[in-house]
Amino acid sequence: MAILYFQILIIFTLYLARRLGKKSLVIVCCAWSIFSLSNGFLPGVILLQLFTLWAGCYWFLKRKTNHAAEAPATTPAEKRPAVSGPTPTPPLLLVPVASTPLESPPTDGGFLRSLDTLNNALSSFNDSVCLSLEVQKATASLAAVLFTEKLCTEKALERAHAALKLAAWRQEHGEKAWAHYLQAQAIYTLALDSSANAAVAAPLPEWRHIDFSSAPREGDIPLAIAIEAKKRQLQGERDRFFSDIAQQVWADLPLRIAMADELSKVGGHETWACISRQAEFTHKPLARLTFGAVLGKVQTSTADRPTPVLQGRESIGFLPGFLLKQALQIRARALELPYLVHFTRVENLPSIMQHGLCSITTLNDKQIDFRFNDHLRLEGQPHAICLSIGHPNDKMFASYRWKSPEQGWAVLVIDRCALWSLDTAFCNHNAADHRIRQRPLCDLKTLAAFDSLFMPLSTLPSREDSRLLPYDPTDVQAEVLIFDTLLPELINGVIFSDPHNLQTYKDCIAGKPAHLHTESHGFLGARTYARKTGWTY
């Protein structure tokens, strides 16, 4: 009914225009035609409105106007009133009524001008339709890729939510219930027939990267401008979509990690990079607090609570996983802890960007080739990855470079969310130190172990004398042990030790930021020198 009412409105406006004159009728018809072409969303509706305008109203009203103008001039002679009496009046019969200027039909010049106006309007209409079709044809593939990317991203978000719910259920019910779940899932999978399996496991459309930087067409300048405008419109839609996705996942770190994992499984590395860039515009760091202020706030928030009953260390254990992750996240954000770092030989970069940063045990199990840094691994944790906070272990890193001057090195800059999203342990000294090796591993996975990284140590200069930042561990050899594989998406940048390797391996790091730090500068220098000079990455 809405479409019918709209056609009635068109007819009414044309009738009013006809009352004002023929030029007004042509102008209103052209205006309605342009409106229909620019705002119509279905071809059928556009054709209906154009038919109502030109084939219906314009032709009928213009024909009616012409008939009204010609009616006095075409009155038949036999219908004229008879003249009574014997003496007619010839002078009156010699003056034709139709010859008065006010009742004469329009001249040929005015009619031709009306035809020219109509012809120009139809030509403009035809040109705009042809241009719109050409633009749609030129950008059809781009729009199709954009639709596929949106669809795959939404499906990845749904799978990320499902994975988090499943992980929460596993943590709540324990490994025994999880084993029963896997067994039931395997039985259910076998019960499905081949056709059902094919329907359930239908692959998603092929993921292709959108390229908005194609060269403009040559020759037809209006067409090239229209195509570029359409591309900018599609790019704006894509940016708004990614901004909405970033707002949904960025505040929830487990969801962010799960989302990145799901996208990486289907080849959406570039898409996740775009979402991350959109999130950077709205992500603002919290105000800086010293570590003492963080502890003060935590202690103040619990000062008014009843004093708990003291228990033995063995009965307390460590915080449940969810609470520990939340506490670590709060501390890291308050300290403005920026990133973790890991140095490796440049030959390992292609493998890391393909499989992620893996422990020695995982590399051996998967039979992945790699080059050792530490052949001894005196800390006794070959199934863990060793990382540092804020700056590499400069003493160990320098010793490796001095032993092999010709060796090229890369320092990986890793997202801080690995602290609370992965299985981590914290060592306030080198992990091979006897003070760390004699402690149980469960003690190194506690919140107290994380706090100890920033506590003053009597064997080292004070934090104030060393000008350490709030997030700097007191001991530069302090380490973070990660017992999971670190995905390539968590690597935010790569630092190279020489320009040759920078050019050689720049293509394999998937567009991540790459920088050059020469010997004794940046990450290849001492942390004490960097802090005293005010240098940060």
Protein backbone atom coordinates (compact mmCIF):
# COMPACT_ATOMS: atom_id res chain seq x y z
CA MET A 1 0.00 0.00 0.00
CA ALA A 2 2.85 2.40 0.70
CA ILE A 3 4.02 2.15 -2.92
CA LEU A 4 0.45 2.84 -4.18
CA TYR A 5 0.17 5.92 -1.95
CA PHE A 6 3.51 7.12 -3.26
CA GLN A 7 2.31 6.83 -6.87
CA ILE A 8 -0.83 8.82 -5.98
CA LEU A 9 1.41 11.52 -4.50
CA ILE A 10 3.41 11.65 -7.74
CA ILE A 11 0.24 11.98 -9.82
CA PHE A 12 -1.05 14.80 -7.58
CA THR A 13 2.19 16.81 -7.83
CA LEU A 14 2.20 16.40 -11.63
CA TYR A 15 -1.38 17.63 -11.80
CA LEU A 16 -0.45 20.74 -9.84
CA ALA A 17 2.56 21.30 -12.10
CA ARG A 18 0.36 20.98 -15.21
CA ARG A 19 -1.87 23.72 -13.82
CA LEU A 20 1.18 26.02 -13.73
CA GLY A 21 2.29 25.28 -17.27
CA LYS A 22 4.06 22.81 -19.54
CA LYS A 23 7.58 23.76 -18.44
CA SER A 24 6.65 23.13 -14.83
CA LEU A 25 5.29 19.72 -15.82
CA VAL A 26 8.57 18.77 -17.56
CA ILE A 27 10.69 20.01 -14.65
CA VAL A 28 8.66 18.10 -12.04
CA CYS A 29 8.76 14.91 -14.15
CA CYS A 30 12.55 15.15 -14.46
CA ALA A 31 12.89 15.83 -10.72
CA TRP A 32 10.82 12.77 -9.83
CA SER A 33 12.87 10.67 -12.30
CA ILE A 34 16.17 11.68 -10.68
CA PHE A 35 14.71 10.99 -7.22
CA SER A 36 13.55 7.51 -8.29
CA LEU A 37 16.94 6.59 -9.75
CA SER A 38 18.94 7.81 -6.76
CA ASN A 39 16.73 6.40 -3.99
CA GLY A 40 15.07 3.35 -5.52
CA PHE A 41 16.16 0.05 -3.98
CA LEU A 42 14.40 -2.39 -6.34
CA PRO A 43 14.45 -2.31 -10.18
CA GLY A 44 10.71 -3.04 -10.27
CA VAL A 45 9.86 -0.03 -8.11
CA ILE A 46 12.09 2.25 -10.23
CA LEU A 47 10.42 1.08 -13.47
CA LEU A 48 6.94 1.50 -11.95
CA GLN A 49 7.66 5.08 -10.94
CA LEU A 50 9.18 5.96 -14.33
CA PHE A 51 6.16 4.46 -16.10
CA THR A 52 3.82 6.46 -13.85
CA LEU A 53 5.76 9.63 -14.62
CA TRP A 54 6.27 9.52 -18.38
CA ALA A 55 4.02 6.89 -19.95
CA GLY A 56 1.10 7.71 -17.67
CA CYS A 57 0.90 11.16 -16.16
CA TYR A 58 3.10 13.25 -18.46
CA TRP A 59 1.65 11.91 -21.71
CA PHE A 60 -1.95 12.07 -20.47
CA LEU A 61 -1.72 15.55 -18.93
CA LYS A 62 0.20 17.00 -21.89
CA ARG A 63 -2.32 15.47 -24.32
CA LYS A 64 -5.19 16.89 -22.28
CA THR A 65 -3.58 20.34 -22.35
CA ASN A 66 -3.16 20.24 -26.15
CA HIS A 67 -6.80 19.19 -26.65
CA ALA A 68 -8.00 22.00 -24.44
CA ALA A 69 -6.02 24.53 -26.47
CA GLU A 70 -7.22 23.17 -29.83
CA ALA A 71 -10.93 22.81 -28.93
CA PRO A 72 -12.09 26.40 -29.84
CA ALA A 73 -10.33 26.27 -33.22
CA THR A 74 -11.91 22.98 -34.31
CA THR A 75 -15.57 23.75 -33.71
CA PRO A 76 -17.51 22.35 -36.72
CA ALA A 77 -19.32 24.89 -38.88
CA GLU A 78 -22.61 23.01 -38.76
CA LYS A 79 -22.77 23.40 -34.97
CA ARG A 80 -22.64 27.21 -35.10
CA PRO A 81 -25.93 28.91 -34.25
CA ALA A 82 -28.08 29.85 -37.26
CA VAL A 83 -28.59 33.50 -38.06
CA SER A 84 -32.31 34.39 -38.12
CA GLY A 85 -33.82 37.17 -40.18
CA PRO A 86 -33.62 38.17 -43.78
CA THR A 87 -30.70 40.52 -43.38
CA PRO A 88 -27.47 38.71 -42.08
CA THR A 89 -24.53 40.68 -40.85
CA PRO A 90 -21.53 39.77 -43.06
CA PRO A 91 -18.88 41.74 -41.09
CA LEU A 92 -19.44 39.62 -38.07
CA LEU A 93 -18.98 36.42 -40.07
CA LEU A 94 -15.65 37.63 -41.47
CA VAL A 95 -13.93 37.77 -38.02
CA PRO A 96 -12.85 34.22 -36.92
CA VAL A 97 -12.92 33.60 -33.20
CA ALA A 98 -9.90 31.26 -33.29
CA SER A 99 -7.65 33.99 -34.65
CA THR A 100 -7.38 35.85 -31.32
CA PRO A 101 -3.85 35.73 -29.87
CA LEU A 102 -4.93 34.47 -26.45
CA GLU A 103 -6.62 31.34 -27.84
CA SER A 104 -4.09 30.44 -30.53
CA PRO A 105 -2.19 27.14 -30.16
CA PRO A 106 1.47 27.26 -29.19
CA THR A 107 3.88 28.22 -31.91
CA ASP A 108 6.27 25.71 -33.49
CA GLY A 109 9.28 27.26 -31.67
CA GLY A 110 7.79 26.67 -28.21
CA PHE A 111 6.88 23.08 -29.09
CA LEU A 112 10.41 22.36 -30.30
CA ARG A 113 11.89 23.83 -27.13
CA SER A 114 9.69 21.51 -25.08
CA LEU A 115 10.90 18.56 -27.13
CA ASP A 116 14.52 19.63 -26.61
CA THR A 117 13.98 19.85 -22.85
CA LEU A 118 12.42 16.41 -22.78
CA ASN A 119 15.21 14.98 -24.94
CA ASN A 120 17.89 16.46 -22.67
CA ALA A 121 16.19 15.05 -19.60
CA LEU A 122 15.96 11.59 -21.15
CA SER A 123 19.60 11.76 -22.24
CA SER A 124 20.72 12.68 -18.72
CA PHE A 125 18.62 9.87 -17.33
CA ASN A 126 20.15 7.38 -19.75
CA ASP A 127 23.70 8.56 -18.98
CA SER A 128 23.17 8.25 -15.23
CA VAL A 129 21.75 4.74 -15.57
CA CYS A 130 24.65 3.64 -17.78
CA LEU A 131 27.17 5.17 -15.36
CA SER A 132 25.55 3.43 -12.40
CA LEU A 133 25.64 0.07 -14.19
CA GLU A 134 29.29 0.52 -15.14
CA VAL A 135 30.26 1.41 -11.56
CA GLN A 136 28.34 -1.58 -10.21
CA LYS A 137 30.04 -3.87 -12.72
CA ALA A 138 33.51 -2.52 -11.93
CA THR A 139 33.11 -2.87 -8.14
CA ALA A 140 31.07 -6.11 -8.06
CA SER A 141 34.08 -8.29 -7.21
CA LEU A 142 35.19 -5.90 -4.48
CA ALA A 143 31.71 -5.88 -2.92
CA ALA A 144 31.59 -9.68 -3.06
CA VAL A 145 34.94 -10.01 -1.25
CA LEU A 146 33.78 -7.50 1.37
CA PHE A 147 30.58 -9.49 1.97
CA THR A 148 32.56 -12.72 2.34
CA GLU A 149 34.97 -11.09 4.79
CA LYS A 150 32.11 -9.77 6.93
CA LEU A 151 30.42 -13.16 6.95
CA CYS A 152 33.59 -15.04 7.93
CA THR A 153 34.41 -12.50 10.64
CA GLU A 154 30.95 -12.82 12.19
CA LYS A 155 31.22 -16.62 12.12
CA ALA A 156 34.67 -16.43 13.73
CA LEU A 157 33.22 -14.27 16.52
CA GLU A 158 30.46 -16.82 17.10
CA ARG A 159 33.00 -19.66 17.29
CA ALA A 160 35.15 -17.61 19.71
CA HIS A 161 32.17 -17.17 22.05
CA ALA A 162 31.45 -20.89 21.84
CA ALA A 163 35.09 -21.78 22.57
CA LEU A 164 35.11 -19.56 25.68
CA LYS A 165 31.90 -21.11 26.97
CA LEU A 166 33.36 -24.56 26.44
CA ALA A 167 36.59 -23.59 28.23
CA ALA A 168 34.60 -22.20 31.17
CA TRP A 169 32.59 -25.41 31.36
CA ARG A 170 35.80 -27.45 31.33
CA GLN A 171 37.29 -25.38 34.13
CA GLU A 172 34.12 -25.66 36.19
CA HIS A 173 33.59 -29.41 35.83
CA GLY A 174 37.18 -30.62 35.68
CA GLU A 175 39.23 -32.84 33.41
CA LYS A 176 37.20 -35.97 34.13
CA ALA A 177 33.99 -34.40 32.86
CA TRP A 178 35.94 -33.01 29.91
CA ALA A 179 37.11 -36.50 28.99
CA HIS A 180 33.49 -37.70 29.09
CA TYR A 181 32.51 -34.79 26.85
CA LEU A 182 35.20 -35.65 24.29
CA GLN A 183 34.13 -39.28 24.34
CA ALA A 184 30.48 -38.35 23.80
CA GLN A 185 31.44 -35.98 21.03
CA ALA A 186 33.41 -38.71 19.27
CA ILE A 187 30.46 -41.12 19.52
CA TYR A 188 28.07 -38.51 18.20
CA THR A 189 30.39 -37.69 15.30
CA LEU A 190 30.60 -41.36 14.30
CA ALA A 191 26.81 -41.63 14.45
CA LEU A 192 26.40 -38.99 11.76
CA ASP A 193 26.13 -40.28 8.22
CA SER A 194 28.33 -39.01 5.42
CA SER A 195 25.73 -36.60 4.07
CA ALA A 196 25.17 -35.02 7.48
CA ASN A 197 28.89 -34.69 7.95
CA ALA A 198 29.19 -32.99 4.60
CA ALA A 199 26.45 -30.53 5.55
CA VAL A 200 27.88 -29.78 8.99
CA ALA A 201 31.46 -29.45 7.77
CA ALA A 202 30.64 -27.29 4.76
CA PRO A 203 33.61 -24.99 4.27
CA LEU A 204 33.28 -21.23 4.46
CA PRO A 205 33.80 -19.18 1.29
CA GLU A 206 37.41 -18.66 0.31
CA TRP A 207 39.01 -15.84 2.30
CA ARG A 208 40.59 -13.20 0.10
CA HIS A 209 42.27 -9.97 1.12
CA ILE A 210 40.55 -6.77 -0.04
CA ASP A 211 42.68 -4.42 -2.10
CA PHE A 212 41.37 -0.85 -2.35
CA SER A 213 44.54 0.43 -4.02
CA SER A 214 43.84 -0.66 -7.61
CA ALA A 215 44.85 1.85 -10.29
CA PRO A 216 42.05 4.08 -11.66
CA ARG A 217 40.80 3.59 -15.18
CA GLU A 218 42.19 5.74 -17.95
CA GLY A 219 40.18 7.58 -20.58
CA ASP A 220 36.70 7.95 -19.07
CA ILE A 221 37.28 10.46 -16.28
CA PRO A 222 33.66 10.61 -14.93
CA LEU A 223 33.54 6.81 -14.75
CA ALA A 224 36.91 6.67 -12.95
CA ILE A 225 35.76 9.27 -10.42
CA ALA A 226 32.51 7.39 -9.79
CA ILE A 227 34.37 4.09 -9.29
CA GLU A 228 36.77 5.68 -6.81
CA ALA A 229 33.83 7.18 -4.90
CA LYS A 230 32.18 3.75 -4.72
CA LYS A 231 35.42 2.18 -3.49
CA ARG A 232 35.71 4.81 -0.76
CA GLN A 233 32.13 4.04 0.24
CA LEU A 234 32.89 0.30 0.53
CA GLN A 235 36.06 1.04 2.48
CA GLY A 236 34.10 3.22 4.91
CA GLU A 237 31.57 0.42 5.44
CA ARG A 238 34.41 -2.01 6.12
CA ASP A 239 36.06 0.33 8.65
CA ARG A 240 32.77 0.84 10.50
CA PHE A 241 32.20 -2.93 10.63
CA PHE A 242 35.68 -3.56 12.03
CA SER A 243 35.19 -0.77 14.56
CA ASP A 244 32.03 -2.49 15.82
CA ILE A 245 33.84 -5.83 16.07
CA ALA A 246 36.75 -4.22 17.95
CA GLN A 247 34.38 -2.65 20.47
CA GLN A 248 32.88 -6.08 21.15
CA VAL A 249 36.10 -8.03 21.64
CA TRP A 250 38.79 -5.57 22.77
CA ALA A 251 37.60 -5.09 26.35
CA ASP A 252 37.30 -8.88 26.85
CA LEU A 253 40.86 -10.19 26.56
CA PRO A 254 40.03 -13.93 26.53
CA LEU A 255 37.52 -13.22 23.78
CA ARG A 256 40.14 -11.19 21.91
CA ILE A 257 42.61 -14.09 22.00
CA ALA A 258 39.92 -16.59 20.96
CA MET A 259 38.84 -14.32 18.11
CA ALA A 260 42.40 -13.99 16.83
CA ASP A 261 42.82 -17.77 17.02
CA GLU A 262 39.61 -18.42 15.09
CA LEU A 263 40.52 -15.93 12.37
CA SER A 264 44.00 -17.40 12.02
CA LYS A 265 42.50 -20.85 11.48
CA VAL A 266 40.67 -19.67 8.37
CA GLY A 267 43.40 -17.41 7.02
CA GLY A 268 42.09 -14.10 8.33
CA HIS A 269 45.45 -12.72 9.51
CA GLU A 270 45.06 -9.48 7.53
CA THR A 271 41.51 -9.05 8.81
CA TRP A 272 42.63 -9.35 12.43
CA ALA A 273 45.40 -6.83 11.75
CA CYS A 274 42.77 -4.36 10.45
CA ILE A 275 40.59 -4.93 13.52
CA SER A 276 43.60 -4.33 15.76
CA ARG A 277 44.39 -1.06 13.98
CA GLN A 278 40.79 0.09 14.42
CA ALA A 279 40.99 -0.72 18.14
CA GLU A 280 44.18 1.31 18.57
CA PHE A 281 42.29 4.52 17.79
CA THR A 282 39.99 4.06 20.78
CA HIS A 283 42.38 2.27 23.16
CA LYS A 284 43.87 4.64 25.71
CA PRO A 285 46.29 3.54 28.45
CA LEU A 286 45.39 4.04 32.06
CA ALA A 287 47.08 6.65 34.21
CA ARG A 288 50.52 5.56 35.35
CA LEU A 289 50.83 4.31 38.92
CA THR A 290 53.87 3.08 40.75
CA PHE A 291 53.88 -0.51 41.87
CA GLY A 292 53.67 0.63 45.49
CA ALA A 293 50.52 2.58 44.63
CA VAL A 294 49.00 -0.51 43.03
CA LEU A 295 49.65 -2.59 46.13
CA GLY A 296 48.37 0.26 48.28
CA LYS A 297 45.08 0.34 46.39
CA VAL A 298 44.70 -3.41 46.62
CA GLN A 299 45.45 -3.40 50.35
CA THR A 300 43.15 -0.41 50.99
CA SER A 301 40.27 -2.12 49.22
CA THR A 302 40.58 -5.09 51.57
CA ALA A 303 41.44 -3.20 54.78
CA ASP A 304 37.83 -2.89 55.97
CA ARG A 305 37.03 -6.55 55.50
CA PRO A 306 37.02 -9.04 58.41
CA THR A 307 40.41 -10.58 59.13
CA PRO A 308 40.44 -14.08 57.62
CA VAL A 309 41.53 -17.12 59.53
CA LEU A 310 45.19 -17.80 58.80
CA GLN A 311 45.93 -21.07 57.07
CA GLY A 312 49.07 -22.91 56.17
CA ARG A 313 50.79 -22.32 52.84
CA GLU A 314 49.99 -25.81 51.65
CA SER A 315 46.27 -25.33 52.24
CA ILE A 316 46.06 -21.97 50.46
CA GLY A 317 47.61 -23.06 47.15
CA PHE A 318 47.21 -20.53 44.35
CA LEU A 319 44.28 -18.49 43.08
CA PRO A 320 41.84 -20.20 40.70
CA GLY A 321 42.72 -19.59 37.07
CA PHE A 322 39.99 -17.04 36.38
CA LEU A 323 40.75 -14.91 39.46
CA LEU A 324 44.49 -15.07 38.82
CA LYS A 325 44.03 -13.87 35.23
CA GLN A 326 41.90 -10.95 36.40
CA ALA A 327 44.40 -9.96 39.09
CA LEU A 328 47.32 -10.15 36.65
CA GLN A 329 45.43 -8.04 34.12
CA ILE A 330 44.66 -5.35 36.73
CA ARG A 331 48.30 -5.17 37.87
CA ALA A 332 49.73 -5.09 34.34
CA ARG A 333 47.38 -2.31 33.25
CA ALA A 334 48.04 -0.24 36.37
CA LEU A 335 51.80 -0.55 35.86
CA GLU A 336 51.34 0.30 32.15
CA LEU A 337 53.37 -2.79 31.37
CA PRO A 338 53.81 -2.36 27.59
CA TYR A 339 55.11 -5.63 26.16
CA LEU A 340 57.21 -8.77 26.60
CA VAL A 341 60.36 -9.51 24.56
CA HIS A 342 62.11 -12.63 23.34
CA PHE A 343 65.37 -12.77 21.37
CA THR A 344 66.14 -15.52 18.88
CA ARG A 345 68.32 -16.26 15.88
CA VAL A 346 66.97 -14.76 12.65
CA GLU A 347 66.90 -18.19 10.98
CA ASN A 348 64.02 -19.13 13.31
CA LEU A 349 61.74 -16.31 12.13
CA PRO A 350 59.99 -18.17 9.24
CA SER A 351 59.15 -21.07 11.54
CA ILE A 352 57.91 -18.73 14.30
CA MET A 353 55.67 -16.82 11.91
CA GLN A 354 54.23 -20.09 10.63
CA HIS A 355 53.87 -22.21 13.79
CA GLY A 356 54.12 -19.60 16.55
CA LEU A 357 56.71 -19.34 19.30
CA CYS A 358 57.01 -22.89 20.65
CA SER A 359 58.96 -24.55 23.42
CA ILE A 360 61.80 -26.95 22.68
CA THR A 361 59.61 -29.89 23.66
CA THR A 362 56.89 -28.84 21.23
CA LEU A 363 59.40 -28.24 18.44
CA ASN A 364 60.87 -31.71 18.90
CA ASP A 365 57.45 -33.35 19.08
CA LYS A 366 56.33 -31.66 15.84
CA GLN A 367 59.76 -32.25 14.23
CA ILE A 368 60.18 -28.55 13.39
CA ASP A 369 63.72 -27.44 12.53
CA PHE A 370 65.15 -24.67 14.71
CA ARG A 371 68.44 -23.25 15.97
CA PHE A 372 69.24 -23.32 19.68
CA ASN A 373 70.04 -20.32 21.85
CA ASP A 374 70.69 -22.24 25.05
CA HIS A 375 71.83 -25.86 24.63
CA LEU A 376 72.03 -26.49 28.37
CA ARG A 377 68.68 -25.20 29.64
CA LEU A 378 69.84 -25.32 33.25
CA GLU A 379 66.47 -24.10 34.51
CA GLY A 380 65.08 -27.54 33.69
CA GLN A 381 61.98 -26.27 31.86
CA PRO A 382 62.38 -27.36 28.19
CA HIS A 383 58.59 -27.26 27.78
CA ALA A 384 58.49 -23.50 28.52
CA ILE A 385 59.25 -20.34 26.53
CA CYS A 386 61.45 -17.75 28.24
CA LEU A 387 60.49 -14.07 27.91
CA SER A 388 61.46 -10.79 29.57
CA ILE A 389 59.41 -7.75 30.53
CA GLY A 390 60.23 -4.39 28.96
CA HIS A 391 63.82 -5.22 27.93
CA PRO A 392 65.80 -8.36 27.04
CA ASN A 393 68.13 -10.04 29.52
CA ASP A 394 71.04 -7.86 28.38
CA LYS A 395 73.74 -9.93 30.09
CA MET A 396 72.73 -13.21 28.47
CA PHE A 397 71.92 -11.57 25.12
CA ALA A 398 75.32 -9.84 25.02
CA SER A 399 77.18 -13.07 25.80
CA TYR A 400 75.50 -14.85 22.87
CA ARG A 401 76.36 -12.00 20.48
CA TRP A 402 79.98 -11.90 21.62
CA LYS A 403 80.37 -15.65 21.15
CA SER A 404 79.00 -15.49 17.58
CA PRO A 405 79.68 -12.04 16.09
CA GLU A 406 78.56 -13.14 12.62
CA GLN A 407 75.17 -14.40 13.83
CA GLY A 408 72.08 -12.30 13.06
CA TRP A 409 69.50 -11.79 15.81
CA ALA A 410 65.85 -10.79 16.08
CA VAL A 411 64.01 -9.49 19.15
CA LEU A 412 60.27 -10.23 19.16
CA VAL A 413 57.99 -7.64 20.78
CA ILE A 414 55.04 -9.59 22.24
CA ASP A 415 51.63 -8.36 23.38
CA ARG A 416 51.32 -8.07 27.16
CA CYS A 417 48.03 -10.01 27.20
CA ALA A 418 50.13 -13.19 27.02
CA LEU A 419 50.74 -12.67 30.76
CA TRP A 420 47.16 -13.47 31.72
CA SER A 421 45.80 -15.29 28.67
CA LEU A 422 48.40 -18.10 28.67
CA ASP A 423 49.82 -20.47 31.28
CA THR A 424 52.64 -18.43 32.86
CA ALA A 425 55.16 -18.59 35.71
CA PHE A 426 57.23 -15.71 37.08
CA CYS A 427 60.90 -15.81 38.13
CA ASN A 428 62.33 -12.74 39.88
CA HIS A 429 65.83 -13.99 38.98
CA ASN A 430 67.16 -16.00 36.05
CA ALA A 431 65.17 -19.23 35.77
CA ALA A 432 68.42 -21.22 36.01
CA ASP A 433 69.33 -19.52 39.32
CA HIS A 434 69.38 -21.96 42.27
CA ARG A 435 66.98 -19.69 44.17
CA ILE A 436 64.40 -20.36 41.45
CA ARG A 437 65.15 -24.01 40.71
CA GLN A 438 64.63 -25.05 44.32
CA ARG A 439 61.10 -23.63 44.40
CA PRO A 440 58.07 -25.68 43.27
CA LEU A 441 56.63 -24.67 39.93
CA CYS A 442 53.21 -24.01 41.47
CA ASP A 443 54.77 -21.27 43.65
CA LEU A 444 56.01 -19.49 40.52
CA LYS A 445 52.49 -19.34 39.08
CA THR A 446 51.03 -17.25 41.89
CA LEU A 447 50.21 -13.57 42.15
CA ALA A 448 52.90 -13.24 44.82
CA ALA A 449 55.50 -14.49 42.33
CA PHE A 450 54.44 -11.76 39.88
CA ASP A 451 54.66 -9.12 42.62
CA SER A 452 58.14 -10.28 43.56
CA LEU A 453 59.43 -9.25 40.12
CA PHE A 454 59.21 -5.59 41.19
CA MET A 455 60.25 -5.85 44.84
CA PRO A 456 63.59 -4.27 45.91
CA LEU A 457 66.50 -6.69 46.23
CA SER A 458 69.33 -6.21 48.69
CA THR A 459 71.88 -7.68 46.24
CA LEU A 460 71.10 -5.12 43.52
CA PRO A 461 71.10 -1.31 43.34
CA SER A 462 67.86 0.37 44.34
CA ARG A 463 65.17 0.93 41.75
CA GLU A 464 65.50 4.68 42.17
CA ASP A 465 69.26 4.65 41.53
CA SER A 466 68.75 2.51 38.44
CA ARG A 467 65.94 4.82 37.28
CA LEU A 468 63.71 1.84 36.59
CA LEU A 469 60.25 2.38 35.22
CA PRO A 470 57.32 1.00 37.24
CA TYR A 471 57.00 -2.03 34.93
CA ASP A 472 60.73 -2.90 34.94
CA PRO A 473 61.62 -6.01 36.99
CA THR A 474 64.23 -5.21 39.60
CA ASP A 475 66.55 -7.90 38.20
CA VAL A 476 67.14 -7.53 34.47
CA GLN A 477 67.55 -11.33 34.31
CA ALA A 478 64.03 -11.93 35.67
CA GLU A 479 62.01 -14.15 33.34
CA VAL A 480 58.45 -15.02 32.45
CA LEU A 481 57.96 -18.68 31.56
CA ILE A 482 55.08 -19.49 29.18
CA PHE A 483 53.94 -23.10 28.92
CA ASP A 484 51.74 -22.63 25.83
CA THR A 485 52.47 -21.96 22.17
CA LEU A 486 52.49 -18.21 21.55
CA LEU A 487 50.54 -17.44 18.38
CA PRO A 488 52.07 -15.21 15.67
CA GLU A 489 49.18 -12.76 16.15
CA LEU A 490 50.57 -11.85 19.58
CA ILE A 491 53.86 -10.69 18.02
CA ASN A 492 53.51 -6.93 17.52
CA GLY A 493 56.94 -6.15 16.06
CA VAL A 494 60.43 -7.45 15.25
CA ILE A 495 63.79 -5.79 15.94
CA PHE A 496 66.76 -6.82 13.75
CA SER A 497 70.43 -6.58 14.66
CA ASP A 498 71.73 -5.71 11.17
CA PRO A 499 70.30 -4.18 7.95
CA HIS A 500 71.06 -7.24 5.80
CA ASN A 501 68.80 -9.54 7.81
CA LEU A 502 66.18 -6.80 8.02
CA GLN A 503 65.87 -6.80 4.24
CA THR A 504 66.17 -10.59 3.99
CA TYR A 505 63.45 -11.51 6.52
CA LYS A 506 61.18 -8.47 6.27
CA ASP A 507 58.79 -10.26 3.91
CA CYS A 508 58.26 -13.25 6.21
CA ILE A 509 56.96 -11.29 9.22
CA ALA A 510 53.52 -10.69 7.66
CA GLY A 511 53.63 -6.91 7.58
CA LYS A 512 54.49 -6.46 11.24
CA PRO A 513 56.57 -3.39 12.19
CA ALA A 514 60.29 -4.01 11.68
CA HIS A 515 63.09 -1.87 13.16
CA LEU A 516 66.89 -1.88 13.25
CA HIS A 517 68.83 -1.62 16.53
CA THR A 518 72.59 -1.54 16.18
CA GLU A 519 75.08 -2.87 18.70
CA SER A 520 74.91 -1.19 22.15
CA HIS A 521 71.73 0.66 21.23
CA GLY A 522 68.08 -0.05 21.99
CA PHE A 523 67.36 -3.68 22.76
CA LEU A 524 70.96 -4.55 21.88
CA GLY A 525 72.25 -2.32 24.68
CA ALA A 526 72.18 -2.41 28.46
CA ARG A 527 68.92 -1.64 30.23
CA THR A 528 70.66 0.66 32.72
CA TYR A 529 71.96 2.81 29.85
CA ALA A 530 68.55 2.88 28.17
CA ARG A 531 66.79 3.99 31.36
CA LYS A 532 69.35 6.64 32.26
CA THR A 533 69.12 8.13 28.77
CA GLY A 534 65.33 7.91 28.77
CA TRP A 535 65.10 5.51 25.80
CA THR A 536 62.06 3.26 25.42
CA TYR A 537 60.80 1.21 22.48
